[in-house]
Amino acid sequence: MSVENEHVSRDSSSRYGAVTITHPACPARKIMMTAPPAATDDGMPGFGSAGASRPRAVAEAMAVLGLTMATLWIVNSIHAWSRWERMVLGGPWLVQILAFMIVPLVVVTLRGAQPGSLGVTFRGLRRYMETALTALAVVGPISGMAFPLLGLLGWSPMSWLGGLVLAAAYAISVPFVGLLVRKIPSTTESTLPAAHVVIAALVLVAAMAASAATKESAPIVSAVLLALLVVGPGEELLFRGVIQTRLDQAFGRPWRVFGADLGWGWVIASCLFGLAHLLSPAAFGHGGWALWTTVAGLLFGYLRAKSGSIVASTVVHGVLLAVSAFFT
């Protein structure tokens, strides 16, 4: 029988693309054909699957986070390495790149995913920047008032009282940001050209060189560049790129929030973001820090889901960190 004489219907509810072919001369005669599994909604074939169990997805997310935190703690315990980085580079550049960029990318690459499927893509950059700058117009002034307020009250951002103030500030920011960016078109682009990777690597090398050259005369340069180009991008790659994407596969994204499709993956990834700050060797055990970074993670996670990339959340995260570097 020829294909053009067939009536073909696709069962849109099937995850694997089941196709029913009905012969016009014999309607009762149907042939079921099942196509190979397609990429998941989040574009990460090989890094888990859309039907994977939720406990397994959470375990995988925890494993990636555990490897990152272990890397930080191990390198932090090597005092000679830490001193060398401060003396030569002006800051912990290499350990941050290793823990938050290289380790997560190696893990997901071994699982068969591509960086672009994690939201690491620069195509559609104008829309990402529009989303980021709009969000900064809201969260920038709010956080800019919250941190000086803590100074006036004598509360540390690491304390519970300080954490409550900052958590409230970021919680207030989320709906206002959502109202402003909800109509900015998202992108489904999931490619990362090799040229973009090379450019990003060259930017990092140039930033490390600038940090090394100004480590004594202007140490603030290192702090700002590190926040903008390593800490912000690295944390967004891990938590919004790898972890949130993986959890979204397993839990789905049934909630429509200010134009973004969200689900429990968004919430869990934000909680793990706070947990990482609680367990960080930089300031271990500070519950206030964990509290407000969890709420900030909800903002970053929303931006990642709304824009379709981690670029918008990276810009917002990095700029906020860079500004705070001037006051710490």
C-alpha atoms as a PDB file:
ATOM      1  CA  MET A   1       0.000   0.000   0.000  1.00  0.00           C
ATOM      2  CA  SER A   2       1.344   3.469  -0.845  1.00  0.00           C
ATOM      3  CA  VAL A   3       1.913   6.106   1.751  1.00  0.00           C
ATOM      4  CA  GLU A   4      -0.093   8.734  -0.099  1.00  0.00           C
ATOM      5  CA  ASN A   5      -3.209   6.518   0.101  1.00  0.00           C
ATOM      6  CA  GLU A   6      -2.998   6.240   3.825  1.00  0.00           C
ATOM      7  CA  HIS A   7      -4.731   8.281   6.492  1.00  0.00           C
ATOM      8  CA  VAL A   8      -2.155   8.982   9.159  1.00  0.00           C
ATOM      9  CA  SER A   9      -2.996  10.296  12.620  1.00  0.00           C
ATOM     10  CA  ARG A  10      -0.612  10.956  15.435  1.00  0.00           C
ATOM     11  CA  ASP A  11      -1.559  10.336  19.019  1.00  0.00           C
ATOM     12  CA  SER A  12      -0.482  13.643  20.477  1.00  0.00           C
ATOM     13  CA  SER A  13      -0.779  12.332  24.028  1.00  0.00           C
ATOM     14  CA  SER A  14       1.882   9.717  23.450  1.00  0.00           C
ATOM     15  CA  ARG A  15       5.315  10.619  24.749  1.00  0.00           C
ATOM     16  CA  TYR A  16       6.974   8.445  22.156  1.00  0.00           C
ATOM     17  CA  GLY A  17       5.079   9.595  19.079  1.00  0.00           C
ATOM     18  CA  ALA A  18       2.821   6.618  18.374  1.00  0.00           C
ATOM     19  CA  VAL A  19       1.357   6.823  14.872  1.00  0.00           C
ATOM     20  CA  THR A  20      -1.835   5.056  13.754  1.00  0.00           C
ATOM     21  CA  ILE A  21      -2.161   4.308  10.035  1.00  0.00           C
ATOM     22  CA  THR A  22      -5.655   3.481   8.740  1.00  0.00           C
ATOM     23  CA  HIS A  23      -6.137   2.015   5.270  1.00  0.00           C
ATOM     24  CA  PRO A  24      -9.051   3.786   3.475  1.00  0.00           C
ATOM     25  CA  ALA A  25     -10.353   0.563   1.981  1.00  0.00           C
ATOM     26  CA  CYS A  26     -10.402  -1.211   5.304  1.00  0.00           C
ATOM     27  CA  PRO A  27     -10.946   1.191   8.224  1.00  0.00           C
ATOM     28  CA  ALA A  28     -10.653  -1.630  10.718  1.00  0.00           C
ATOM     29  CA  ARG A  29      -7.160  -2.365   9.560  1.00  0.00           C
ATOM     30  CA  LYS A  30      -4.810  -0.254  11.650  1.00  0.00           C
ATOM     31  CA  ILE A  31      -1.085  -0.394  12.028  1.00  0.00           C
ATOM     32  CA  MET A  32       0.561   1.070  15.090  1.00  0.00           C
ATOM     33  CA  MET A  33       4.029   2.461  14.556  1.00  0.00           C
ATOM     34  CA  THR A  34       6.130   3.789  17.388  1.00  0.00           C
ATOM     35  CA  ALA A  35       8.842   6.286  16.648  1.00  0.00           C
ATOM     36  CA  PRO A  36      12.034   6.404  18.683  1.00  0.00           C
ATOM     37  CA  PRO A  37      11.868   8.553  21.799  1.00  0.00           C
ATOM     38  CA  ALA A  38      12.188  12.203  20.962  1.00  0.00           C
ATOM     39  CA  ALA A  39      14.031  14.778  22.947  1.00  0.00           C
ATOM     40  CA  THR A  40      12.266  15.744  26.135  1.00  0.00           C
ATOM     41  CA  ASP A  41      10.456  19.033  26.563  1.00  0.00           C
ATOM     42  CA  ASP A  42      13.587  20.473  28.087  1.00  0.00           C
ATOM     43  CA  GLY A  43      15.806  19.259  25.286  1.00  0.00           C
ATOM     44  CA  MET A  44      18.081  16.992  27.265  1.00  0.00           C
ATOM     45  CA  PRO A  45      18.095  13.586  25.612  1.00  0.00           C
ATOM     46  CA  GLY A  46      20.418  11.283  27.490  1.00  0.00           C
ATOM     47  CA  PHE A  47      20.452  13.265  30.739  1.00  0.00           C
ATOM     48  CA  GLY A  48      17.653  11.275  32.310  1.00  0.00           C
ATOM     49  CA  SER A  49      14.304  11.043  30.550  1.00  0.00           C
ATOM     50  CA  ALA A  50      10.926  12.675  30.863  1.00  0.00           C
ATOM     51  CA  GLY A  51       9.475   9.526  32.358  1.00  0.00           C
ATOM     52  CA  ALA A  52      12.232   8.924  34.871  1.00  0.00           C
ATOM     53  CA  SER A  53      11.200   8.499  38.482  1.00  0.00           C
ATOM     54  CA  ARG A  54      11.133  11.614  40.592  1.00  0.00           C
ATOM     55  CA  PRO A  55      13.279  10.166  43.404  1.00  0.00           C
ATOM     56  CA  ARG A  56      15.915   9.254  40.849  1.00  0.00           C
ATOM     57  CA  ALA A  57      15.880  12.771  39.400  1.00  0.00           C
ATOM     58  CA  VAL A  58      16.289  14.286  42.867  1.00  0.00           C
ATOM     59  CA  ALA A  59      19.109  11.822  43.608  1.00  0.00           C
ATOM     60  CA  GLU A  60      20.887  12.801  40.378  1.00  0.00           C
ATOM     61  CA  ALA A  61      20.520  16.488  41.209  1.00  0.00           C
ATOM     62  CA  MET A  62      21.879  15.883  44.704  1.00  0.00           C
ATOM     63  CA  ALA A  63      24.779  13.888  43.260  1.00  0.00           C
ATOM     64  CA  VAL A  64      25.833  16.733  40.949  1.00  0.00           C
ATOM     65  CA  LEU A  65      25.518  19.198  43.809  1.00  0.00           C
ATOM     66  CA  GLY A  66      27.478  16.860  46.071  1.00  0.00           C
ATOM     67  CA  LEU A  67      30.346  16.637  43.581  1.00  0.00           C
ATOM     68  CA  THR A  68      30.466  20.415  43.314  1.00  0.00           C
ATOM     69  CA  MET A  69      30.436  20.954  47.078  1.00  0.00           C
ATOM     70  CA  ALA A  70      33.041  18.225  47.598  1.00  0.00           C
ATOM     71  CA  THR A  71      35.291  19.950  45.060  1.00  0.00           C
ATOM     72  CA  LEU A  72      34.957  23.243  46.940  1.00  0.00           C
ATOM     73  CA  TRP A  73      35.699  21.676  50.318  1.00  0.00           C
ATOM     74  CA  ILE A  74      38.644  19.603  49.070  1.00  0.00           C
ATOM     75  CA  VAL A  75      40.349  22.492  47.298  1.00  0.00           C
ATOM     76  CA  ASN A  76      39.564  24.832  50.194  1.00  0.00           C
ATOM     77  CA  SER A  77      41.400  22.435  52.521  1.00  0.00           C
ATOM     78  CA  ILE A  78      44.547  22.703  50.384  1.00  0.00           C
ATOM     79  CA  HIS A  79      45.813  25.939  51.902  1.00  0.00           C
ATOM     80  CA  ALA A  80      48.812  26.164  49.603  1.00  0.00           C
ATOM     81  CA  TRP A  81      46.499  26.186  46.573  1.00  0.00           C
ATOM     82  CA  SER A  82      44.257  28.880  48.052  1.00  0.00           C
ATOM     83  CA  ARG A  83      47.254  31.064  48.862  1.00  0.00           C
ATOM     84  CA  TRP A  84      48.676  30.580  45.368  1.00  0.00           C
ATOM     85  CA  GLU A  85      45.416  31.655  43.728  1.00  0.00           C
ATOM     86  CA  ARG A  86      45.164  34.769  45.879  1.00  0.00           C
ATOM     87  CA  MET A  87      48.815  35.700  45.324  1.00  0.00           C
ATOM     88  CA  VAL A  88      48.909  35.022  41.582  1.00  0.00           C
ATOM     89  CA  LEU A  89      45.348  35.522  40.313  1.00  0.00           C
ATOM     90  CA  GLY A  90      43.900  37.768  42.986  1.00  0.00           C
ATOM     91  CA  GLY A  91      41.051  35.430  43.886  1.00  0.00           C
ATOM     92  CA  PRO A  92      39.710  31.854  43.727  1.00  0.00           C
ATOM     93  CA  TRP A  93      39.248  31.811  39.968  1.00  0.00           C
ATOM     94  CA  LEU A  94      40.334  28.265  39.195  1.00  0.00           C
ATOM     95  CA  VAL A  95      38.481  26.534  42.023  1.00  0.00           C
ATOM     96  CA  GLN A  96      35.243  28.341  41.136  1.00  0.00           C
ATOM     97  CA  ILE A  97      35.588  27.452  37.455  1.00  0.00           C
ATOM     98  CA  LEU A  98      36.378  23.849  38.344  1.00  0.00           C
ATOM     99  CA  ALA A  99      33.544  23.386  40.840  1.00  0.00           C
ATOM    100  CA  PHE A 100      30.703  25.288  39.171  1.00  0.00           C
ATOM    101  CA  MET A 101      31.514  24.977  35.478  1.00  0.00           C
ATOM    102  CA  ILE A 102      33.775  22.055  34.662  1.00  0.00           C
ATOM    103  CA  VAL A 103      32.348  19.492  37.108  1.00  0.00           C
ATOM    104  CA  PRO A 104      28.669  19.985  36.086  1.00  0.00           C
ATOM    105  CA  LEU A 105      29.491  20.077  32.376  1.00  0.00           C
ATOM    106  CA  VAL A 106      31.561  16.902  32.594  1.00  0.00           C
ATOM    107  CA  VAL A 107      28.748  15.100  34.431  1.00  0.00           C
ATOM    108  CA  VAL A 108      26.016  16.003  31.943  1.00  0.00           C
ATOM    109  CA  THR A 109      28.284  15.424  28.956  1.00  0.00           C
ATOM    110  CA  LEU A 110      28.981  11.907  30.197  1.00  0.00           C
ATOM    111  CA  ARG A 111      25.201  11.453  30.349  1.00  0.00           C
ATOM    112  CA  GLY A 112      24.895  12.447  26.691  1.00  0.00           C
ATOM    113  CA  ALA A 113      23.485  15.977  27.007  1.00  0.00           C
ATOM    114  CA  GLN A 114      24.632  19.024  25.101  1.00  0.00           C
ATOM    115  CA  PRO A 115      25.404  22.359  26.824  1.00  0.00           C
ATOM    116  CA  GLY A 116      22.787  24.127  24.717  1.00  0.00           C
ATOM    117  CA  SER A 117      20.075  21.886  26.134  1.00  0.00           C
ATOM    118  CA  LEU A 118      20.898  23.235  29.594  1.00  0.00           C
ATOM    119  CA  GLY A 119      20.070  26.763  28.528  1.00  0.00           C
ATOM    120  CA  VAL A 120      23.708  27.554  27.745  1.00  0.00           C
ATOM    121  CA  THR A 121      23.124  29.360  24.479  1.00  0.00           C
ATOM    122  CA  PHE A 122      23.717  32.918  23.342  1.00  0.00           C
ATOM    123  CA  ARG A 123      21.385  32.921  20.367  1.00  0.00           C
ATOM    124  CA  GLY A 124      18.499  35.210  21.070  1.00  0.00           C
ATOM    125  CA  LEU A 125      20.843  37.357  23.113  1.00  0.00           C
ATOM    126  CA  ARG A 126      18.803  40.535  22.581  1.00  0.00           C
ATOM    127  CA  ARG A 127      15.749  38.969  24.214  1.00  0.00           C
ATOM    128  CA  TYR A 128      17.813  37.548  27.060  1.00  0.00           C
ATOM    129  CA  MET A 129      19.326  40.957  27.753  1.00  0.00           C
ATOM    130  CA  GLU A 130      15.920  42.640  27.550  1.00  0.00           C
ATOM    131  CA  THR A 131      14.634  40.194  30.164  1.00  0.00           C
ATOM    132  CA  ALA A 132      17.706  40.630  32.362  1.00  0.00           C
ATOM    133  CA  LEU A 133      17.756  44.430  32.257  1.00  0.00           C
ATOM    134  CA  THR A 134      14.030  44.620  32.931  1.00  0.00           C
ATOM    135  CA  ALA A 135      14.456  42.348  35.950  1.00  0.00           C
ATOM    136  CA  LEU A 136      17.404  44.400  37.201  1.00  0.00           C
ATOM    137  CA  ALA A 137      15.313  47.566  36.971  1.00  0.00           C
ATOM    138  CA  VAL A 138      13.075  46.007  39.625  1.00  0.00           C
ATOM    139  CA  VAL A 139      15.285  43.873  41.828  1.00  0.00           C
ATOM    140  CA  GLY A 140      18.254  46.240  41.722  1.00  0.00           C
ATOM    141  CA  PRO A 141      16.599  49.129  43.609  1.00  0.00           C
ATOM    142  CA  ILE A 142      14.794  46.778  46.007  1.00  0.00           C
ATOM    143  CA  SER A 143      17.961  44.905  47.002  1.00  0.00           C
ATOM    144  CA  GLY A 144      19.801  48.231  46.909  1.00  0.00           C
ATOM    145  CA  MET A 145      17.533  49.466  49.692  1.00  0.00           C
ATOM    146  CA  ALA A 146      17.502  46.188  51.638  1.00  0.00           C
ATOM    147  CA  PHE A 147      21.255  45.852  52.150  1.00  0.00           C
ATOM    148  CA  PRO A 148      21.783  49.413  53.493  1.00  0.00           C
ATOM    149  CA  LEU A 149      18.785  48.850  55.749  1.00  0.00           C
ATOM    150  CA  LEU A 150      20.598  45.873  57.282  1.00  0.00           C
ATOM    151  CA  GLY A 151      23.595  48.101  57.885  1.00  0.00           C
ATOM    152  CA  LEU A 152      21.456  50.654  59.689  1.00  0.00           C
ATOM    153  CA  LEU A 153      19.863  47.948  61.817  1.00  0.00           C
ATOM    154  CA  GLY A 154      23.193  46.257  62.505  1.00  0.00           C
ATOM    155  CA  TRP A 155      21.993  42.945  61.074  1.00  0.00           C
ATOM    156  CA  SER A 156      24.282  40.734  59.030  1.00  0.00           C
ATOM    157  CA  PRO A 157      23.010  39.228  55.742  1.00  0.00           C
ATOM    158  CA  MET A 158      24.113  35.905  57.212  1.00  0.00           C
ATOM    159  CA  SER A 159      21.911  36.214  60.313  1.00  0.00           C
ATOM    160  CA  TRP A 160      18.314  35.050  60.544  1.00  0.00           C
ATOM    161  CA  LEU A 161      16.964  38.598  60.928  1.00  0.00           C
ATOM    162  CA  GLY A 162      19.023  39.827  58.009  1.00  0.00           C
ATOM    163  CA  GLY A 163      17.992  36.779  56.012  1.00  0.00           C
ATOM    164  CA  LEU A 164      14.315  37.481  56.652  1.00  0.00           C
ATOM    165  CA  VAL A 165      14.660  41.054  55.380  1.00  0.00           C
ATOM    166  CA  LEU A 166      16.467  39.988  52.223  1.00  0.00           C
ATOM    167  CA  ALA A 167      14.106  37.070  51.639  1.00  0.00           C
ATOM    168  CA  ALA A 168      11.178  39.490  51.821  1.00  0.00           C
ATOM    169  CA  ALA A 169      12.914  41.848  49.377  1.00  0.00           C
ATOM    170  CA  TYR A 170      13.443  39.122  46.796  1.00  0.00           C
ATOM    171  CA  ALA A 171       9.953  37.714  47.333  1.00  0.00           C
ATOM    172  CA  ILE A 172       8.480  41.145  46.616  1.00  0.00           C
ATOM    173  CA  SER A 173      10.620  41.396  43.483  1.00  0.00           C
ATOM    174  CA  VAL A 174       9.371  38.194  41.851  1.00  0.00           C
ATOM    175  CA  PRO A 175       5.781  39.243  40.973  1.00  0.00           C
ATOM    176  CA  PHE A 176       6.862  42.705  39.803  1.00  0.00           C
ATOM    177  CA  VAL A 177       9.543  41.196  37.577  1.00  0.00           C
ATOM    178  CA  GLY A 178       7.014  38.686  36.265  1.00  0.00           C
ATOM    179  CA  LEU A 179       4.500  41.393  35.380  1.00  0.00           C
ATOM    180  CA  LEU A 180       7.135  43.262  33.384  1.00  0.00           C
ATOM    181  CA  VAL A 181       8.794  40.384  31.521  1.00  0.00           C
ATOM    182  CA  ARG A 182       5.810  38.089  30.945  1.00  0.00           C
ATOM    183  CA  LYS A 183       5.256  39.367  27.402  1.00  0.00           C
ATOM    184  CA  ILE A 184       8.889  39.240  26.291  1.00  0.00           C
ATOM    185  CA  PRO A 185       9.093  36.328  23.818  1.00  0.00           C
ATOM    186  CA  SER A 186      10.965  33.233  24.969  1.00  0.00           C
ATOM    187  CA  THR A 187      13.300  31.182  22.815  1.00  0.00           C
ATOM    188  CA  THR A 188      13.617  27.474  22.225  1.00  0.00           C
ATOM    189  CA  GLU A 189      17.139  27.724  20.823  1.00  0.00           C
ATOM    190  CA  SER A 190      19.318  24.948  22.197  1.00  0.00           C
ATOM    191  CA  THR A 191      22.558  25.147  20.250  1.00  0.00           C
ATOM    192  CA  LEU A 192      25.943  26.345  21.432  1.00  0.00           C
ATOM    193  CA  PRO A 193      28.318  26.961  18.518  1.00  0.00           C
ATOM    194  CA  ALA A 194      31.956  26.153  19.137  1.00  0.00           C
ATOM    195  CA  ALA A 195      32.861  29.760  18.355  1.00  0.00           C
ATOM    196  CA  HIS A 196      30.792  30.926  21.330  1.00  0.00           C
ATOM    197  CA  VAL A 197      32.639  28.515  23.618  1.00  0.00           C
ATOM    198  CA  VAL A 198      35.989  29.827  22.388  1.00  0.00           C
ATOM    199  CA  ILE A 199      34.902  33.434  22.922  1.00  0.00           C
ATOM    200  CA  ALA A 200      33.697  32.656  26.455  1.00  0.00           C
ATOM    201  CA  ALA A 201      37.003  30.941  27.273  1.00  0.00           C
ATOM    202  CA  LEU A 202      39.003  33.904  25.940  1.00  0.00           C
ATOM    203  CA  VAL A 203      36.918  36.305  28.031  1.00  0.00           C
ATOM    204  CA  LEU A 204      37.668  34.240  31.152  1.00  0.00           C
ATOM    205  CA  VAL A 205      41.395  34.207  30.379  1.00  0.00           C
ATOM    206  CA  ALA A 206      41.404  37.972  29.807  1.00  0.00           C
ATOM    207  CA  ALA A 207      39.502  38.525  33.066  1.00  0.00           C
ATOM    208  CA  MET A 208      41.971  36.389  35.024  1.00  0.00           C
ATOM    209  CA  ALA A 209      44.828  38.341  33.490  1.00  0.00           C
ATOM    210  CA  ALA A 210      43.185  41.630  34.500  1.00  0.00           C
ATOM    211  CA  SER A 211      42.625  40.288  38.006  1.00  0.00           C
ATOM    212  CA  ALA A 212      46.239  39.205  38.303  1.00  0.00           C
ATOM    213  CA  ALA A 213      47.496  42.568  37.032  1.00  0.00           C
ATOM    214  CA  THR A 214      45.404  44.574  39.510  1.00  0.00           C
ATOM    215  CA  LYS A 215      45.433  42.270  42.535  1.00  0.00           C
ATOM    216  CA  GLU A 216      47.472  44.731  44.612  1.00  0.00           C
ATOM    217  CA  SER A 217      46.600  48.117  43.137  1.00  0.00           C
ATOM    218  CA  ALA A 218      42.840  47.540  42.710  1.00  0.00           C
ATOM    219  CA  PRO A 219      41.617  44.286  44.304  1.00  0.00           C
ATOM    220  CA  ILE A 220      38.013  45.323  43.681  1.00  0.00           C
ATOM    221  CA  VAL A 221      38.602  44.519  39.988  1.00  0.00           C
ATOM    222  CA  SER A 222      39.096  40.858  40.818  1.00  0.00           C
ATOM    223  CA  ALA A 223      36.007  40.756  43.045  1.00  0.00           C
ATOM    224  CA  VAL A 224      33.767  42.337  40.399  1.00  0.00           C
ATOM    225  CA  LEU A 225      35.068  40.269  37.481  1.00  0.00           C
ATOM    226  CA  LEU A 226      34.881  37.073  39.507  1.00  0.00           C
ATOM    227  CA  ALA A 227      31.250  37.769  40.414  1.00  0.00           C
ATOM    228  CA  LEU A 228      30.214  38.732  36.884  1.00  0.00           C
ATOM    229  CA  LEU A 229      32.059  36.084  34.892  1.00  0.00           C
ATOM    230  CA  VAL A 230      32.495  33.079  37.173  1.00  0.00           C
ATOM    231  CA  VAL A 231      30.350  32.972  40.307  1.00  0.00           C
ATOM    232  CA  GLY A 232      27.121  34.182  38.696  1.00  0.00           C
ATOM    233  CA  PRO A 233      27.473  32.132  35.490  1.00  0.00           C
ATOM    234  CA  GLY A 234      28.796  29.085  37.354  1.00  0.00           C
ATOM    235  CA  GLU A 235      25.996  28.951  39.907  1.00  0.00           C
ATOM    236  CA  GLU A 236      23.376  29.514  37.202  1.00  0.00           C
ATOM    237  CA  LEU A 237      24.854  26.730  35.080  1.00  0.00           C
ATOM    238  CA  LEU A 238      24.702  24.315  37.999  1.00  0.00           C
ATOM    239  CA  PHE A 239      21.387  25.215  39.622  1.00  0.00           C
ATOM    240  CA  ARG A 240      19.261  26.540  36.784  1.00  0.00           C
ATOM    241  CA  GLY A 241      20.977  24.812  33.873  1.00  0.00           C
ATOM    242  CA  VAL A 242      21.706  21.319  35.177  1.00  0.00           C
ATOM    243  CA  ILE A 243      19.594  20.827  38.307  1.00  0.00           C
ATOM    244  CA  GLN A 244      16.401  22.712  37.448  1.00  0.00           C
ATOM    245  CA  THR A 245      16.336  21.299  33.915  1.00  0.00           C
ATOM    246  CA  ARG A 246      16.768  17.744  35.188  1.00  0.00           C
ATOM    247  CA  LEU A 247      14.072  18.115  37.825  1.00  0.00           C
ATOM    248  CA  ASP A 248      11.693  19.735  35.340  1.00  0.00           C
ATOM    249  CA  GLN A 249      11.956  16.600  33.217  1.00  0.00           C
ATOM    250  CA  ALA A 250      10.836  14.394  36.043  1.00  0.00           C
ATOM    251  CA  PHE A 251       8.254  16.624  37.717  1.00  0.00           C
ATOM    252  CA  GLY A 252       6.933  18.403  34.660  1.00  0.00           C
ATOM    253  CA  ARG A 253       6.058  22.092  34.457  1.00  0.00           C
ATOM    254  CA  PRO A 254       2.299  22.262  34.985  1.00  0.00           C
ATOM    255  CA  TRP A 255       2.152  25.771  36.455  1.00  0.00           C
ATOM    256  CA  ARG A 256       1.833  28.865  34.314  1.00  0.00           C
ATOM    257  CA  VAL A 257       3.373  31.762  36.263  1.00  0.00           C
ATOM    258  CA  PHE A 258       3.714  35.161  34.578  1.00  0.00           C
ATOM    259  CA  GLY A 259       4.226  33.592  31.168  1.00  0.00           C
ATOM    260  CA  ALA A 260       6.678  30.890  32.340  1.00  0.00           C
ATOM    261  CA  ASP A 261       6.043  27.151  32.598  1.00  0.00           C
ATOM    262  CA  LEU A 262       7.165  26.081  36.067  1.00  0.00           C
ATOM    263  CA  GLY A 263       6.835  23.112  38.393  1.00  0.00           C
ATOM    264  CA  TRP A 264       8.285  21.484  41.464  1.00  0.00           C
ATOM    265  CA  GLY A 265      11.691  21.400  39.788  1.00  0.00           C
ATOM    266  CA  TRP A 266      11.801  25.187  40.109  1.00  0.00           C
ATOM    267  CA  VAL A 267      11.052  24.985  43.840  1.00  0.00           C
ATOM    268  CA  ILE A 268      13.434  22.112  44.600  1.00  0.00           C
ATOM    269  CA  ALA A 269      16.298  23.653  42.626  1.00  0.00           C
ATOM    270  CA  SER A 270      15.843  26.888  44.588  1.00  0.00           C
ATOM    271  CA  CYS A 271      15.911  24.992  47.885  1.00  0.00           C
ATOM    272  CA  LEU A 272      19.107  23.221  46.825  1.00  0.00           C
ATOM    273  CA  PHE A 273      20.554  26.618  45.939  1.00  0.00           C
ATOM    274  CA  GLY A 274      19.924  27.733  49.513  1.00  0.00           C
ATOM    275  CA  LEU A 275      21.271  24.452  50.873  1.00  0.00           C
ATOM    276  CA  ALA A 276      24.506  24.944  48.953  1.00  0.00           C
ATOM    277  CA  HIS A 277      25.005  28.302  50.646  1.00  0.00           C
ATOM    278  CA  LEU A 278      24.318  26.720  54.023  1.00  0.00           C
ATOM    279  CA  LEU A 279      27.015  24.106  53.347  1.00  0.00           C
ATOM    280  CA  SER A 280      29.488  26.404  51.614  1.00  0.00           C
ATOM    281  CA  PRO A 281      33.016  26.400  53.058  1.00  0.00           C
ATOM    282  CA  ALA A 282      32.997  30.186  52.641  1.00  0.00           C
ATOM    283  CA  ALA A 283      30.365  30.639  55.377  1.00  0.00           C
ATOM    284  CA  PHE A 284      29.270  27.255  56.670  1.00  0.00           C
ATOM    285  CA  GLY A 285      26.106  26.952  58.734  1.00  0.00           C
ATOM    286  CA  HIS A 286      24.566  30.403  58.263  1.00  0.00           C
ATOM    287  CA  GLY A 287      20.829  29.786  58.069  1.00  0.00           C
ATOM    288  CA  GLY A 288      19.941  33.378  57.223  1.00  0.00           C
ATOM    289  CA  TRP A 289      22.122  33.222  54.123  1.00  0.00           C
ATOM    290  CA  ALA A 290      20.464  29.970  53.086  1.00  0.00           C
ATOM    291  CA  LEU A 291      17.008  31.496  53.578  1.00  0.00           C
ATOM    292  CA  TRP A 292      17.335  34.522  51.353  1.00  0.00           C
ATOM    293  CA  THR A 293      19.374  32.758  48.677  1.00  0.00           C
ATOM    294  CA  THR A 294      16.567  30.192  48.421  1.00  0.00           C
ATOM    295  CA  VAL A 295      14.090  32.974  47.663  1.00  0.00           C
ATOM    296  CA  ALA A 296      16.565  34.621  45.276  1.00  0.00           C
ATOM    297  CA  GLY A 297      16.810  31.234  43.564  1.00  0.00           C
ATOM    298  CA  LEU A 298      13.085  31.409  42.813  1.00  0.00           C
ATOM    299  CA  LEU A 299      13.676  34.669  40.950  1.00  0.00           C
ATOM    300  CA  PHE A 300      16.626  33.268  38.997  1.00  0.00           C
ATOM    301  CA  GLY A 301      14.731  30.066  38.238  1.00  0.00           C
ATOM    302  CA  TYR A 302      11.760  32.019  36.943  1.00  0.00           C
ATOM    303  CA  LEU A 303      14.015  34.023  34.599  1.00  0.00           C
ATOM    304  CA  ARG A 304      15.582  30.815  33.295  1.00  0.00           C
ATOM    305  CA  ALA A 305      12.171  29.263  32.572  1.00  0.00           C
ATOM    306  CA  LYS A 306      10.697  32.420  31.081  1.00  0.00           C
ATOM    307  CA  SER A 307      13.587  33.237  28.755  1.00  0.00           C
ATOM    308  CA  GLY A 308      14.518  29.662  27.803  1.00  0.00           C
ATOM    309  CA  SER A 309      18.166  30.250  28.663  1.00  0.00           C
ATOM    310  CA  ILE A 310      20.371  30.806  31.693  1.00  0.00           C
ATOM    311  CA  VAL A 311      21.770  34.006  30.175  1.00  0.00           C
ATOM    312  CA  ALA A 312      19.110  36.304  31.693  1.00  0.00           C
ATOM    313  CA  SER A 313      19.418  34.807  35.178  1.00  0.00           C
ATOM    314  CA  THR A 314      23.215  34.847  34.868  1.00  0.00           C
ATOM    315  CA  VAL A 315      23.291  38.557  34.065  1.00  0.00           C
ATOM    316  CA  VAL A 316      20.961  39.423  36.957  1.00  0.00           C
ATOM    317  CA  HIS A 317      22.804  37.156  39.398  1.00  0.00           C
ATOM    318  CA  GLY A 318      26.239  38.372  38.330  1.00  0.00           C
ATOM    319  CA  VAL A 319      25.365  42.075  38.440  1.00  0.00           C
ATOM    320  CA  LEU A 320      23.827  41.774  41.914  1.00  0.00           C
ATOM    321  CA  LEU A 321      26.948  40.002  43.159  1.00  0.00           C
ATOM    322  CA  ALA A 322      29.249  42.522  41.490  1.00  0.00           C
ATOM    323  CA  VAL A 323      27.425  45.466  43.076  1.00  0.00           C
ATOM    324  CA  SER A 324      27.554  43.799  46.493  1.00  0.00           C
ATOM    325  CA  ALA A 325      31.317  43.346  46.049  1.00  0.00           C
ATOM    326  CA  PHE A 326      31.725  47.114  46.386  1.00  0.00           C
ATOM    327  CA  PHE A 327      30.213  47.050  49.865  1.00  0.00           C
ATOM    328  CA  THR A 328      31.893  43.954  51.317  1.00  0.00           C
END
